[in-house]
Amino acid sequence: MSKDPAKALLTLAEAAAWRAELRRNGRKLVVTNGCFDLMHRGHASYLYEASKLGDELLVLANSDASVRAIKGESRPVVSELDRAYMLGALSSVSKVVIFNSSRCDAELAVLEPDIYTKAGDYTVETLDAQEREALQKCKAQIVFMPFVSGFSTTGIVEKIAKNSK
């Protein structure tokens, strides 16, 4: 049975209530975050593997404004609502929350995940200090997933630009 991807998008308050229900039912929440602009195989593989770490996977997706702040004025290519819909369509993703900051420490503090995951190009030392503090405070296990080389949104954008000349 397929799910409605639009129903995967939650506000932070809705996600907090969902999280409380998961905790009451003894279910483990995995959380990750990122821009997820121009979904590609690297994203899909990463999210699939992350989902296997617990019972439910919540993706914190950067808003359009925060993607622009991180990646530059030409990004995102795909709008936040469309990115959230695409994420929600993946069977590995349970819920999606869009956040407006370049960092998601406030959201992590509210959600208190059991497990937090990032791609293998990160380390504990390179995680944002405030995000790391929020994760340590709730005693989340931090897991770095193997990086799928050869796939990046920036690489796709560069290839399109090169091929359009």
N, C-alpha and C. Protein backbone atom coordinates (compact mmCIF):
# COMPACT_ATOMS: atom_id res chain seq x y z
N MET A 1 0.84 -1.18 0.00
CA MET A 1 0.00 0.00 0.00
C MET A 1 0.89 1.23 0.00
N SER A 2 0.63 2.13 -0.91
CA SER A 2 1.47 3.33 -1.00
C SER A 2 0.94 4.42 -0.07
N LYS A 3 1.83 5.33 0.27
CA LYS A 3 1.47 6.42 1.18
C LYS A 3 1.33 7.72 0.39
N ASP A 4 0.63 8.67 0.96
CA ASP A 4 0.48 9.99 0.37
C ASP A 4 1.68 10.84 0.79
N PRO A 5 2.59 11.18 -0.13
CA PRO A 5 3.78 11.94 0.25
C PRO A 5 3.47 13.28 0.91
N ALA A 6 2.37 13.89 0.55
CA ALA A 6 2.01 15.19 1.14
C ALA A 6 1.74 15.07 2.63
N LYS A 7 1.31 13.90 3.08
CA LYS A 7 1.02 13.71 4.50
C LYS A 7 2.27 13.47 5.34
N ALA A 8 3.41 13.31 4.68
CA ALA A 8 4.67 13.13 5.41
C ALA A 8 5.20 14.45 5.95
N LEU A 9 4.79 15.57 5.35
CA LEU A 9 5.28 16.89 5.77
C LEU A 9 4.56 17.35 7.03
N LEU A 10 5.34 17.60 8.08
CA LEU A 10 4.81 18.05 9.36
C LEU A 10 5.42 19.37 9.78
N THR A 11 4.71 20.11 10.60
CA THR A 11 5.32 21.24 11.29
C THR A 11 6.16 20.67 12.43
N LEU A 12 6.99 21.49 13.02
CA LEU A 12 7.79 21.01 14.15
C LEU A 12 6.89 20.59 15.31
N ALA A 13 5.82 21.34 15.56
CA ALA A 13 4.89 20.98 16.65
C ALA A 13 4.23 19.63 16.38
N GLU A 14 3.81 19.40 15.14
CA GLU A 14 3.22 18.11 14.78
C GLU A 14 4.24 16.98 14.93
N ALA A 15 5.48 17.26 14.52
CA ALA A 15 6.54 16.25 14.63
C ALA A 15 6.84 15.94 16.09
N ALA A 16 6.79 16.95 16.96
CA ALA A 16 7.03 16.73 18.39
C ALA A 16 5.95 15.82 18.98
N ALA A 17 4.70 16.03 18.58
CA ALA A 17 3.61 15.18 19.07
C ALA A 17 3.78 13.75 18.55
N TRP A 18 4.14 13.62 17.28
CA TRP A 18 4.40 12.30 16.69
C TRP A 18 5.55 11.62 17.41
N ARG A 19 6.59 12.39 17.71
CA ARG A 19 7.75 11.85 18.43
C ARG A 19 7.35 11.33 19.81
N ALA A 20 6.52 12.08 20.51
CA ALA A 20 6.06 11.66 21.84
C ALA A 20 5.30 10.33 21.75
N GLU A 21 4.49 10.18 20.70
CA GLU A 21 3.76 8.92 20.50
C GLU A 21 4.72 7.77 20.22
N LEU A 22 5.73 8.03 19.41
CA LEU A 22 6.74 6.99 19.14
C LEU A 22 7.41 6.55 20.44
N ARG A 23 7.77 7.51 21.25
CA ARG A 23 8.46 7.19 22.52
C ARG A 23 7.55 6.37 23.42
N ARG A 24 6.27 6.73 23.50
CA ARG A 24 5.32 5.98 24.33
C ARG A 24 5.21 4.53 23.86
N ASN A 25 5.36 4.34 22.55
CA ASN A 25 5.23 3.00 21.97
C ASN A 25 6.57 2.27 21.86
N GLY A 26 7.62 2.84 22.44
CA GLY A 26 8.92 2.19 22.45
C GLY A 26 9.60 2.11 21.09
N ARG A 27 9.25 3.04 20.20
CA ARG A 27 9.82 3.04 18.85
C ARG A 27 10.98 4.02 18.76
N LYS A 28 12.04 3.61 18.04
CA LYS A 28 13.24 4.43 17.91
C LYS A 28 13.13 5.37 16.71
N LEU A 29 13.45 6.64 16.98
CA LEU A 29 13.42 7.67 15.93
C LEU A 29 14.84 7.97 15.46
N VAL A 30 15.01 7.89 14.14
CA VAL A 30 16.24 8.30 13.47
C VAL A 30 15.96 9.64 12.82
N VAL A 31 16.90 10.59 12.97
CA VAL A 31 16.76 11.90 12.35
C VAL A 31 18.02 12.20 11.55
N THR A 32 17.82 12.79 10.38
CA THR A 32 18.91 13.35 9.60
C THR A 32 18.46 14.69 9.06
N ASN A 33 19.38 15.43 8.49
CA ASN A 33 19.03 16.73 7.93
C ASN A 33 19.88 17.03 6.70
N GLY A 34 19.38 17.95 5.89
CA GLY A 34 20.13 18.38 4.72
C GLY A 34 19.27 19.16 3.76
N CYS A 35 19.90 19.58 2.67
CA CYS A 35 19.19 20.37 1.64
C CYS A 35 18.36 19.47 0.73
N PHE A 36 18.92 18.35 0.32
CA PHE A 36 18.25 17.39 -0.56
C PHE A 36 17.69 18.05 -1.82
N ASP A 37 18.49 18.93 -2.41
CA ASP A 37 18.15 19.59 -3.67
C ASP A 37 18.55 18.64 -4.80
N LEU A 38 17.72 18.47 -5.78
CA LEU A 38 17.95 17.53 -6.89
C LEU A 38 18.28 16.14 -6.36
N MET A 39 17.25 15.44 -5.96
CA MET A 39 17.42 14.10 -5.40
C MET A 39 18.18 13.20 -6.39
N HIS A 40 19.11 12.41 -5.85
CA HIS A 40 19.91 11.51 -6.67
C HIS A 40 20.16 10.21 -5.90
N ARG A 41 20.83 9.29 -6.55
CA ARG A 41 21.05 7.97 -5.97
C ARG A 41 21.78 8.04 -4.62
N GLY A 42 22.71 8.93 -4.48
CA GLY A 42 23.41 9.08 -3.21
C GLY A 42 22.45 9.39 -2.08
N HIS A 43 21.50 10.31 -2.33
CA HIS A 43 20.48 10.62 -1.33
C HIS A 43 19.64 9.39 -1.01
N ALA A 44 19.14 8.72 -2.05
CA ALA A 44 18.25 7.58 -1.86
C ALA A 44 18.95 6.46 -1.08
N SER A 45 20.18 6.18 -1.43
CA SER A 45 20.94 5.13 -0.74
C SER A 45 21.17 5.51 0.72
N TYR A 46 21.58 6.74 0.95
CA TYR A 46 21.83 7.23 2.30
C TYR A 46 20.57 7.14 3.16
N LEU A 47 19.44 7.61 2.63
CA LEU A 47 18.20 7.61 3.40
C LEU A 47 17.70 6.19 3.66
N TYR A 48 17.86 5.31 2.70
CA TYR A 48 17.48 3.91 2.89
C TYR A 48 18.30 3.29 4.02
N GLU A 49 19.60 3.46 3.97
CA GLU A 49 20.47 2.90 5.01
C GLU A 49 20.18 3.53 6.37
N ALA A 50 19.94 4.83 6.41
CA ALA A 50 19.61 5.51 7.67
C ALA A 50 18.32 4.96 8.26
N SER A 51 17.35 4.66 7.41
CA SER A 51 16.06 4.17 7.91
C SER A 51 16.19 2.83 8.62
N LYS A 52 17.20 2.06 8.28
CA LYS A 52 17.39 0.74 8.89
C LYS A 52 17.96 0.83 10.30
N LEU A 53 18.37 2.03 10.73
CA LEU A 53 18.95 2.19 12.06
C LEU A 53 17.91 2.24 13.18
N GLY A 54 16.65 2.49 12.82
CA GLY A 54 15.59 2.59 13.83
C GLY A 54 14.26 2.21 13.23
N ASP A 55 13.19 2.64 13.91
CA ASP A 55 11.84 2.30 13.46
C ASP A 55 11.25 3.32 12.50
N GLU A 56 11.61 4.58 12.67
CA GLU A 56 11.06 5.66 11.84
C GLU A 56 12.19 6.63 11.50
N LEU A 57 12.14 7.20 10.28
CA LEU A 57 13.14 8.18 9.85
C LEU A 57 12.45 9.51 9.58
N LEU A 58 12.91 10.53 10.26
CA LEU A 58 12.44 11.89 10.04
C LEU A 58 13.56 12.69 9.40
N VAL A 59 13.25 13.37 8.31
CA VAL A 59 14.24 14.21 7.62
C VAL A 59 13.92 15.67 7.90
N LEU A 60 14.92 16.38 8.42
CA LEU A 60 14.83 17.83 8.57
C LEU A 60 15.42 18.42 7.29
N ALA A 61 14.56 19.07 6.49
CA ALA A 61 14.97 19.62 5.20
C ALA A 61 15.13 21.13 5.30
N ASN A 62 16.25 21.62 4.81
CA ASN A 62 16.49 23.06 4.82
C ASN A 62 15.45 23.78 3.96
N SER A 63 14.97 24.92 4.45
CA SER A 63 14.06 25.76 3.69
C SER A 63 14.80 26.37 2.50
N ASP A 64 14.05 26.96 1.58
CA ASP A 64 14.68 27.62 0.43
C ASP A 64 15.65 28.69 0.89
N ALA A 65 15.23 29.51 1.86
CA ALA A 65 16.10 30.59 2.35
C ALA A 65 17.39 30.06 2.95
N SER A 66 17.29 28.97 3.71
CA SER A 66 18.51 28.44 4.32
C SER A 66 19.41 27.75 3.29
N VAL A 67 18.83 27.15 2.26
CA VAL A 67 19.65 26.58 1.19
C VAL A 67 20.42 27.70 0.48
N ARG A 68 19.73 28.81 0.19
CA ARG A 68 20.41 29.95 -0.45
C ARG A 68 21.56 30.45 0.41
N ALA A 69 21.33 30.53 1.73
CA ALA A 69 22.37 31.00 2.64
C ALA A 69 23.58 30.06 2.64
N ILE A 70 23.34 28.77 2.50
CA ILE A 70 24.42 27.78 2.54
C ILE A 70 25.08 27.60 1.17
N LYS A 71 24.26 27.49 0.12
CA LYS A 71 24.75 27.08 -1.20
C LYS A 71 24.91 28.22 -2.20
N GLY A 72 24.31 29.39 -1.91
CA GLY A 72 24.40 30.51 -2.84
C GLY A 72 23.06 30.84 -3.48
N GLU A 73 23.03 31.99 -4.14
CA GLU A 73 21.78 32.53 -4.69
C GLU A 73 21.15 31.67 -5.79
N SER A 74 21.94 30.84 -6.46
CA SER A 74 21.38 30.02 -7.55
C SER A 74 20.68 28.76 -7.04
N ARG A 75 20.70 28.55 -5.75
CA ARG A 75 20.10 27.35 -5.17
C ARG A 75 19.02 27.75 -4.18
N PRO A 76 18.05 26.93 -3.92
CA PRO A 76 17.90 25.58 -4.45
C PRO A 76 17.35 25.60 -5.88
N VAL A 77 17.53 24.50 -6.56
CA VAL A 77 16.95 24.33 -7.88
C VAL A 77 15.48 23.93 -7.72
N VAL A 78 15.19 23.12 -6.71
CA VAL A 78 13.84 22.61 -6.45
C VAL A 78 13.33 23.26 -5.16
N SER A 79 12.09 23.71 -5.16
CA SER A 79 11.52 24.42 -4.01
C SER A 79 11.39 23.50 -2.79
N GLU A 80 11.31 24.12 -1.62
CA GLU A 80 11.24 23.36 -0.37
C GLU A 80 10.04 22.42 -0.31
N LEU A 81 8.89 22.88 -0.77
CA LEU A 81 7.71 22.01 -0.73
C LEU A 81 7.85 20.83 -1.70
N ASP A 82 8.44 21.08 -2.85
CA ASP A 82 8.65 19.99 -3.81
C ASP A 82 9.71 19.02 -3.30
N ARG A 83 10.76 19.53 -2.65
CA ARG A 83 11.79 18.65 -2.07
C ARG A 83 11.18 17.81 -0.95
N ALA A 84 10.35 18.44 -0.11
CA ALA A 84 9.70 17.71 0.98
C ALA A 84 8.78 16.62 0.43
N TYR A 85 8.06 16.93 -0.63
CA TYR A 85 7.17 15.94 -1.25
C TYR A 85 7.98 14.75 -1.78
N MET A 86 9.09 15.04 -2.47
CA MET A 86 9.94 13.97 -3.00
C MET A 86 10.50 13.11 -1.87
N LEU A 87 10.96 13.75 -0.80
CA LEU A 87 11.46 12.99 0.35
C LEU A 87 10.35 12.12 0.94
N GLY A 88 9.16 12.71 1.09
CA GLY A 88 8.03 11.98 1.65
C GLY A 88 7.56 10.83 0.79
N ALA A 89 7.88 10.86 -0.50
CA ALA A 89 7.48 9.78 -1.41
C ALA A 89 8.37 8.54 -1.24
N LEU A 90 9.54 8.71 -0.64
CA LEU A 90 10.43 7.58 -0.45
C LEU A 90 9.91 6.67 0.66
N SER A 91 9.91 5.38 0.43
CA SER A 91 9.40 4.45 1.43
C SER A 91 10.26 4.46 2.70
N SER A 92 11.51 4.85 2.58
CA SER A 92 12.41 4.87 3.74
C SER A 92 12.18 6.07 4.65
N VAL A 93 11.51 7.11 4.15
CA VAL A 93 11.29 8.34 4.92
C VAL A 93 9.89 8.33 5.51
N SER A 94 9.82 8.48 6.84
CA SER A 94 8.52 8.49 7.52
C SER A 94 7.90 9.88 7.52
N LYS A 95 8.69 10.88 7.89
CA LYS A 95 8.18 12.24 8.04
C LYS A 95 9.27 13.23 7.62
N VAL A 96 8.82 14.45 7.26
CA VAL A 96 9.71 15.53 6.84
C VAL A 96 9.28 16.80 7.54
N VAL A 97 10.25 17.54 8.04
CA VAL A 97 10.02 18.87 8.62
C VAL A 97 10.96 19.84 7.92
N ILE A 98 10.41 20.94 7.43
CA ILE A 98 11.24 21.99 6.82
C ILE A 98 11.66 22.94 7.93
N PHE A 99 12.96 23.29 7.94
CA PHE A 99 13.43 24.24 8.95
C PHE A 99 14.13 25.41 8.28
N ASN A 100 14.09 26.58 8.94
CA ASN A 100 14.50 27.84 8.32
C ASN A 100 15.92 28.28 8.60
N SER A 101 16.60 27.65 9.47
CA SER A 101 17.94 28.07 9.85
C SER A 101 18.98 27.29 9.05
N SER A 102 20.22 27.77 9.08
CA SER A 102 21.27 26.98 8.44
C SER A 102 21.66 25.79 9.31
N ARG A 103 21.26 25.81 10.57
CA ARG A 103 21.52 24.72 11.52
C ARG A 103 20.21 24.26 12.13
N CYS A 104 20.14 23.00 12.57
CA CYS A 104 18.88 22.45 13.08
C CYS A 104 18.96 22.10 14.56
N ASP A 105 19.77 22.81 15.32
CA ASP A 105 19.91 22.49 16.75
C ASP A 105 18.60 22.66 17.51
N ALA A 106 17.81 23.68 17.18
CA ALA A 106 16.53 23.89 17.87
C ALA A 106 15.58 22.72 17.61
N GLU A 107 15.54 22.26 16.37
CA GLU A 107 14.67 21.14 16.01
C GLU A 107 15.14 19.84 16.69
N LEU A 108 16.44 19.64 16.72
CA LEU A 108 16.98 18.45 17.38
C LEU A 108 16.67 18.47 18.88
N ALA A 109 16.72 19.65 19.49
CA ALA A 109 16.41 19.76 20.92
C ALA A 109 14.95 19.41 21.20
N VAL A 110 14.06 19.78 20.29
CA VAL A 110 12.64 19.47 20.45
C VAL A 110 12.37 17.99 20.19
N LEU A 111 12.96 17.44 19.13
CA LEU A 111 12.66 16.07 18.71
C LEU A 111 13.38 15.00 19.52
N GLU A 112 14.52 15.33 20.09
CA GLU A 112 15.30 14.38 20.89
C GLU A 112 15.37 13.00 20.23
N PRO A 113 16.03 12.90 19.08
CA PRO A 113 16.09 11.61 18.38
C PRO A 113 16.87 10.58 19.19
N ASP A 114 16.56 9.32 18.95
CA ASP A 114 17.35 8.24 19.53
C ASP A 114 18.66 8.12 18.78
N ILE A 115 18.58 8.33 17.46
CA ILE A 115 19.74 8.18 16.57
C ILE A 115 19.74 9.36 15.61
N TYR A 116 20.90 9.94 15.42
CA TYR A 116 21.09 11.02 14.45
C TYR A 116 22.14 10.54 13.47
N THR A 117 21.90 10.76 12.20
CA THR A 117 22.84 10.28 11.20
C THR A 117 23.18 11.35 10.18
N LYS A 118 24.42 11.29 9.72
CA LYS A 118 24.91 12.14 8.65
C LYS A 118 25.74 11.27 7.73
N ALA A 119 26.00 11.77 6.54
CA ALA A 119 26.84 11.04 5.59
C ALA A 119 28.27 11.01 6.08
N GLY A 120 29.02 10.06 5.56
CA GLY A 120 30.38 9.81 6.01
C GLY A 120 31.39 10.89 5.71
N ASP A 121 30.98 11.96 5.03
CA ASP A 121 31.91 13.07 4.84
C ASP A 121 31.92 13.99 6.06
N TYR A 122 31.15 13.65 7.09
CA TYR A 122 31.14 14.36 8.37
C TYR A 122 31.83 13.51 9.43
N THR A 123 32.26 14.18 10.50
CA THR A 123 32.77 13.52 11.69
C THR A 123 32.14 14.23 12.89
N VAL A 124 32.30 13.67 14.08
CA VAL A 124 31.78 14.33 15.28
C VAL A 124 32.38 15.73 15.38
N GLU A 125 33.65 15.87 15.03
CA GLU A 125 34.33 17.16 15.13
C GLU A 125 33.81 18.17 14.11
N THR A 126 33.35 17.72 12.95
CA THR A 126 32.89 18.66 11.93
C THR A 126 31.39 18.95 12.01
N LEU A 127 30.67 18.25 12.87
CA LEU A 127 29.26 18.61 13.10
C LEU A 127 29.22 19.99 13.72
N ASP A 128 28.19 20.74 13.41
CA ASP A 128 28.00 22.05 14.03
C ASP A 128 27.99 21.87 15.55
N ALA A 129 28.69 22.74 16.26
CA ALA A 129 28.83 22.61 17.72
C ALA A 129 27.49 22.66 18.43
N GLN A 130 26.57 23.51 17.98
CA GLN A 130 25.26 23.61 18.64
C GLN A 130 24.41 22.38 18.36
N GLU A 131 24.50 21.86 17.14
CA GLU A 131 23.79 20.61 16.83
C GLU A 131 24.35 19.47 17.68
N ARG A 132 25.66 19.38 17.75
CA ARG A 132 26.31 18.33 18.55
C ARG A 132 25.89 18.43 20.01
N GLU A 133 25.82 19.65 20.54
CA GLU A 133 25.41 19.86 21.94
C GLU A 133 23.97 19.39 22.16
N ALA A 134 23.07 19.73 21.23
CA ALA A 134 21.67 19.29 21.34
C ALA A 134 21.58 17.78 21.32
N LEU A 135 22.37 17.13 20.49
CA LEU A 135 22.37 15.66 20.40
C LEU A 135 22.94 15.02 21.65
N GLN A 136 24.01 15.59 22.17
CA GLN A 136 24.61 15.06 23.39
C GLN A 136 23.67 15.22 24.58
N LYS A 137 22.95 16.33 24.62
CA LYS A 137 22.03 16.59 25.72
C LYS A 137 20.92 15.54 25.79
N CYS A 138 20.42 15.11 24.63
CA CYS A 138 19.35 14.09 24.63
C CYS A 138 19.91 12.67 24.51
N LYS A 139 21.24 12.56 24.54
CA LYS A 139 21.92 11.26 24.51
C LYS A 139 21.64 10.47 23.22
N ALA A 140 21.51 11.20 22.11
CA ALA A 140 21.31 10.54 20.82
C ALA A 140 22.59 9.84 20.39
N GLN A 141 22.42 8.68 19.82
CA GLN A 141 23.55 7.99 19.21
C GLN A 141 23.81 8.68 17.87
N ILE A 142 25.06 9.03 17.59
CA ILE A 142 25.42 9.68 16.34
C ILE A 142 26.10 8.66 15.44
N VAL A 143 25.54 8.49 14.24
CA VAL A 143 26.04 7.48 13.31
C VAL A 143 26.38 8.17 11.98
N PHE A 144 27.58 7.87 11.48
CA PHE A 144 28.00 8.38 10.18
C PHE A 144 27.90 7.26 9.16
N MET A 145 27.08 7.48 8.15
CA MET A 145 26.83 6.48 7.12
C MET A 145 27.89 6.59 6.04
N PRO A 146 28.23 5.48 5.38
CA PRO A 146 29.21 5.54 4.30
C PRO A 146 28.77 6.53 3.23
N PHE A 147 29.72 7.33 2.78
CA PHE A 147 29.45 8.33 1.73
C PHE A 147 29.42 7.62 0.38
N VAL A 148 28.40 7.88 -0.40
CA VAL A 148 28.28 7.30 -1.73
C VAL A 148 28.98 8.26 -2.70
N SER A 149 30.19 7.91 -3.11
CA SER A 149 30.96 8.82 -3.95
C SER A 149 30.40 8.85 -5.37
N GLY A 150 30.66 9.96 -6.04
CA GLY A 150 30.23 10.11 -7.42
C GLY A 150 28.86 10.72 -7.58
N PHE A 151 28.19 11.04 -6.47
CA PHE A 151 26.86 11.62 -6.54
C PHE A 151 26.82 12.87 -5.68
N SER A 152 26.52 13.99 -6.30
CA SER A 152 26.31 15.23 -5.53
C SER A 152 25.44 16.16 -6.35
N THR A 153 24.63 16.93 -5.66
CA THR A 153 23.79 17.91 -6.35
C THR A 153 24.65 18.94 -7.04
N THR A 154 25.70 19.39 -6.38
CA THR A 154 26.60 20.38 -6.99
C THR A 154 27.19 19.82 -8.27
N GLY A 155 27.59 18.56 -8.27
CA GLY A 155 28.12 17.92 -9.47
C GLY A 155 27.10 17.87 -10.59
N ILE A 156 25.85 17.58 -10.24
CA ILE A 156 24.78 17.53 -11.25
C ILE A 156 24.57 18.91 -11.84
N VAL A 157 24.52 19.94 -11.00
CA VAL A 157 24.32 21.32 -11.46
C VAL A 157 25.47 21.72 -12.39
N GLU A 158 26.70 21.40 -12.00
CA GLU A 158 27.87 21.73 -12.82
C GLU A 158 27.81 21.01 -14.17
N LYS A 159 27.40 19.75 -14.17
CA LYS A 159 27.30 18.98 -15.42
C LYS A 159 26.24 19.59 -16.35
N ILE A 160 25.12 19.99 -15.78
CA ILE A 160 24.06 20.61 -16.60
C ILE A 160 24.58 21.91 -17.20
N ALA A 161 25.26 22.72 -16.38
CA ALA A 161 25.79 24.00 -16.88
C ALA A 161 26.80 23.77 -17.99
N LYS A 162 27.68 22.79 -17.81
CA LYS A 162 28.70 22.49 -18.81
C LYS A 162 28.07 22.02 -20.10
N ASN A 163 27.06 21.15 -20.01
CA ASN A 163 26.41 20.59 -21.19
C ASN A 163 25.50 21.59 -21.90
N SER A 164 25.14 22.67 -21.24
CA SER A 164 24.23 23.64 -21.87
C SER A 164 24.99 24.70 -22.65
N LYS A 165 26.32 24.64 -22.60
CA LYS A 165 27.12 25.65 -23.32
C LYS A 165 27.30 25.28 -24.76
